Protein backbone atom coordinates (compact mmCIF):
# COMPACT_ATOMS: atom_id res chain seq x y z
CA LYS A 1 -15.81 15.90 -6.63
CA ILE A 2 -16.41 12.09 -6.05
CA THR A 3 -18.08 12.74 -2.55
CA ARG A 4 -20.32 15.23 -4.22
CA ILE A 5 -21.28 12.83 -6.98
CA LEU A 6 -22.07 10.09 -4.47
CA GLU A 7 -24.42 12.64 -2.64
CA LEU A 8 -26.04 13.56 -5.88
CA GLU A 9 -26.50 10.15 -7.33
CA SER A 10 -27.49 8.28 -4.26
CA ASN A 11 -28.13 10.83 -1.36
CA ILE A 12 -25.80 8.93 0.74
CA ARG A 13 -23.22 11.05 2.62
CA PHE A 14 -19.60 9.68 3.00
CA SER A 15 -17.22 10.97 5.57
CA GLY A 16 -13.68 9.77 5.52
CA VAL A 17 -10.86 9.26 3.24
CA MET A 18 -11.14 7.75 -0.18
CA TYR A 19 -8.62 7.21 -2.83
CA GLY A 20 -8.92 5.92 -6.45
CA GLN A 21 -7.34 3.56 -8.66
CA PHE A 22 -6.88 4.99 -12.14
CA MET A 23 -5.89 3.70 -15.41
CA ALA A 24 -4.08 5.91 -17.87
CA THR A 25 -5.27 5.36 -21.59
CA ALA A 26 -4.74 7.35 -24.81
CA GLN A 27 -8.37 8.58 -24.31
CA GLY A 28 -7.43 10.03 -20.64
CA PRO A 29 -7.55 8.56 -17.29
CA TYR A 30 -10.38 6.15 -16.10
CA LEU A 31 -11.41 5.44 -12.69
CA ILE A 32 -11.42 1.78 -11.86
CA GLU A 33 -12.26 1.66 -8.30
CA ILE A 34 -12.66 3.90 -5.21
CA ASN A 35 -11.17 2.54 -2.00
CA ALA A 36 -11.04 3.51 1.76
CA ARG A 37 -8.96 0.60 3.06
CA PHE A 38 -6.07 1.61 5.28
CA GLY A 39 -4.22 -1.67 4.63
CA ASP A 40 -3.86 -1.11 0.91
CA PRO A 41 -0.35 -0.37 -0.33
CA GLU A 42 -1.72 3.13 -1.47
CA ALA A 43 -2.98 3.94 2.19
CA LEU A 44 0.22 2.47 3.83
CA ASN A 45 2.49 4.68 1.60
CA VAL A 46 0.67 7.92 2.45
CA LEU A 47 0.05 7.02 6.36
CA ALA A 48 3.66 6.34 7.06
CA LEU A 49 4.46 9.83 6.09
CA LEU A 50 1.62 11.56 8.15
CA LYS A 51 2.99 13.32 11.04
CA THR A 52 -0.57 14.58 12.27
CA PRO A 53 -1.76 12.03 14.81
CA LEU A 54 -4.33 9.61 13.01
CA ALA A 55 -6.76 10.09 16.10
CA GLU A 56 -7.11 13.67 15.25
CA VAL A 57 -7.81 12.88 11.52
CA PHE A 58 -10.58 10.40 12.65
CA GLU A 59 -11.94 12.90 15.09
CA ALA A 60 -11.96 15.54 12.35
CA ILE A 61 -13.77 12.96 10.03
CA ALA A 62 -16.25 12.29 12.72
CA GLU A 63 -16.92 16.06 13.24
CA ARG A 64 -17.16 16.61 9.47
CA ARG A 65 -14.16 19.25 9.61
CA LEU A 66 -11.44 17.14 7.82
CA GLY A 67 -11.22 19.77 5.07
CA LYS A 68 -10.28 22.33 7.79
CA LEU A 69 -7.58 20.20 9.47
CA GLU A 70 -4.08 21.18 8.79
CA LEU A 71 -2.22 17.86 8.01
CA GLU A 72 1.66 17.69 8.63
CA TRP A 73 3.65 15.34 6.40
CA GLU A 74 7.44 13.89 6.65
CA LYS A 75 9.05 15.00 3.18
CA LYS A 76 10.25 11.35 2.65
CA ALA A 77 9.60 8.56 0.08
CA THR A 78 7.88 5.20 0.80
CA VAL A 79 7.68 1.95 -1.13
CA VAL A 80 5.35 -0.98 -0.02
CA LYS A 81 5.84 -4.62 -1.27
CA TYR A 82 3.29 -7.17 -0.41
CA LEU A 83 4.20 -10.82 0.32
CA VAL A 84 1.50 -13.06 -1.07
CA PRO A 85 0.96 -16.94 -0.85
CA GLU A 86 2.53 -18.71 -3.86
CA GLY A 87 -0.14 -18.95 -6.72
CA TYR A 88 -1.66 -15.75 -5.67
CA PRO A 89 -3.93 -14.24 -7.16
CA GLY A 90 -4.93 -17.26 -9.22
CA LYS A 91 -5.08 -20.17 -6.99
CA ALA A 92 -3.05 -19.64 -3.70
CA VAL A 93 -1.47 -22.46 -1.95
CA PRO A 94 -3.02 -23.68 1.01
CA ALA A 95 -1.96 -21.99 4.33
CA SER A 96 1.64 -22.31 5.08
CA LYS A 97 4.00 -21.31 7.93
CA LEU A 98 5.81 -18.16 7.98
CA THR A 99 9.05 -17.48 9.58
CA ILE A 100 10.29 -13.95 10.32
CA ASP A 101 14.08 -13.28 10.85
CA GLU A 102 13.91 -10.60 13.47
CA LYS A 103 17.58 -9.80 13.11
CA LYS A 104 17.33 -9.46 9.25
CA LEU A 105 14.04 -7.31 9.76
CA LYS A 106 15.82 -4.91 12.02
CA ALA A 107 18.82 -4.57 9.74
CA SER A 108 16.34 -4.11 6.88
CA LYS A 109 14.94 -0.67 8.36
CA ALA A 110 11.49 -1.91 7.08
CA GLU A 111 8.40 -2.15 9.13
CA LEU A 112 6.08 -5.38 8.43
CA PHE A 113 2.28 -5.11 8.56
CA PHE A 114 0.24 -8.28 8.86
CA ALA A 115 -2.68 -8.52 6.59
CA SER A 116 -4.19 -12.03 5.59
CA VAL A 117 -2.34 -14.21 8.18
CA ASP A 118 -3.18 -16.32 10.95
CA GLN A 119 -1.66 -16.75 14.19
CA ARG A 120 -1.60 -20.40 15.19
CA GLU A 121 -0.08 -22.54 18.05
CA ASP A 122 3.18 -23.08 15.93
CA GLY A 123 3.37 -19.57 14.40
CA LEU A 124 2.14 -17.32 11.76
CA HIS A 125 0.52 -18.85 8.49
CA THR A 126 -0.60 -17.38 5.27
CA ALA A 127 -4.18 -17.14 4.51
CA SER A 128 -5.44 -16.80 0.96
CA SER A 129 -4.64 -13.23 0.01
CA ARG A 130 -2.16 -10.39 0.64
CA ALA A 131 -0.18 -11.80 3.71
CA ILE A 132 2.44 -9.13 4.84
CA ALA A 133 3.16 -5.74 3.65
CA SER A 134 6.73 -4.67 3.90
CA LEU A 135 7.02 -0.71 4.04
CA GLY A 136 10.34 0.99 3.32
CA VAL A 137 10.81 4.69 3.98
CA GLY A 138 13.78 6.79 3.13
CA LYS A 139 15.02 10.07 1.69
CA THR A 140 14.60 8.63 -1.87
CA ILE A 141 12.43 6.22 -3.60
CA ASP A 142 15.61 4.28 -4.16
CA GLU A 143 16.46 4.10 -0.60
CA ALA A 144 12.88 3.28 0.33
CA GLU A 145 12.80 0.41 -2.13
CA LYS A 146 15.82 -1.01 -0.81
CA HIS A 147 14.42 -0.96 2.79
CA ALA A 148 11.23 -2.61 1.48
CA GLU A 149 12.95 -5.27 -0.39
CA ALA A 150 15.24 -6.16 2.46
CA GLY A 151 12.06 -6.43 4.71
CA CYS A 152 10.68 -9.00 2.33
CA THR A 153 13.91 -11.04 2.65
CA ALA A 154 13.41 -11.19 6.27
CA VAL A 155 10.21 -13.37 5.77
CA SER A 156 10.50 -16.99 4.66
CA GLY A 157 7.82 -19.36 3.68
CA ALA A 158 5.72 -20.18 0.57
CA VAL A 159 5.39 -16.57 -0.56
CA TRP A 160 6.63 -14.31 -3.18
CA HIS A 161 6.43 -10.55 -3.99
CA ARG A 162 7.14 -8.51 -6.87
CA SER A 163 10.76 -7.34 -6.42
CA ASP A 164 10.60 -4.68 -9.11
CA ILE A 165 7.93 -2.63 -7.34
CA GLY A 166 9.63 0.79 -6.53
CA THR A 167 12.61 0.15 -8.62
CA ALA A 168 14.16 2.71 -10.94
CA ALA A 169 13.60 0.35 -13.87
CA LEU A 170 9.89 -0.11 -13.18
CA ILE A 171 9.33 3.58 -12.59
CA GLN A 172 11.11 4.38 -15.91
CA LYS A 173 8.93 1.91 -17.67
CA LYS A 174 5.85 3.50 -16.29
CA VAL A 175 7.25 7.05 -17.20
CA GLU A 176 7.96 5.87 -21.02
CA HIS A 177 4.35 4.31 -21.02
CA MET A 178 2.69 7.67 -20.04
CA GLU A 179 4.76 9.48 -22.49
CA LYS A 180 3.49 7.12 -25.34
CA LEU A 181 0.19 7.72 -24.18
CA ARG A 182 0.33 11.41 -24.11
CA LYS A 183 1.61 11.48 -27.66
CA ARG A 184 -1.37 9.59 -29.08
């Protein structure tokens, strides 16, 4: 629907993958923004489960046949936690060195994706935004969250992350919030 709206309102054709950020309210859902960035947590969560080669997806996009492509997915759960510079999002600390404990990372079963970082002679340094994504994949959300959290602990430096992302407690809090909104 969004692609069709863009074509009608601006006469611009879009080929690709979009996802939205929505806010649930008592008056119904509101669209906050539309993105197409493959480095965002929303995209990393989904791409980690895509079994169809990404090159095939891009080829189908270029040839305007994405809707006809049969995509294959892993039946697993994912959780992404982003490590960000201390002070982010307000006033991030100046670039600081990061260290990754490879042994800890391997044991975590997480995969790290570098985002807003700089490789310098003395190693990896934060920039001013989301630095590293820790992706956990598992049979359940709980298992995926544990892997993602363990991946975060493999990174040291002047960074922080939301340790509650993907936890049962946060998910329950969101479910209860949605139930309250639906009752209004």
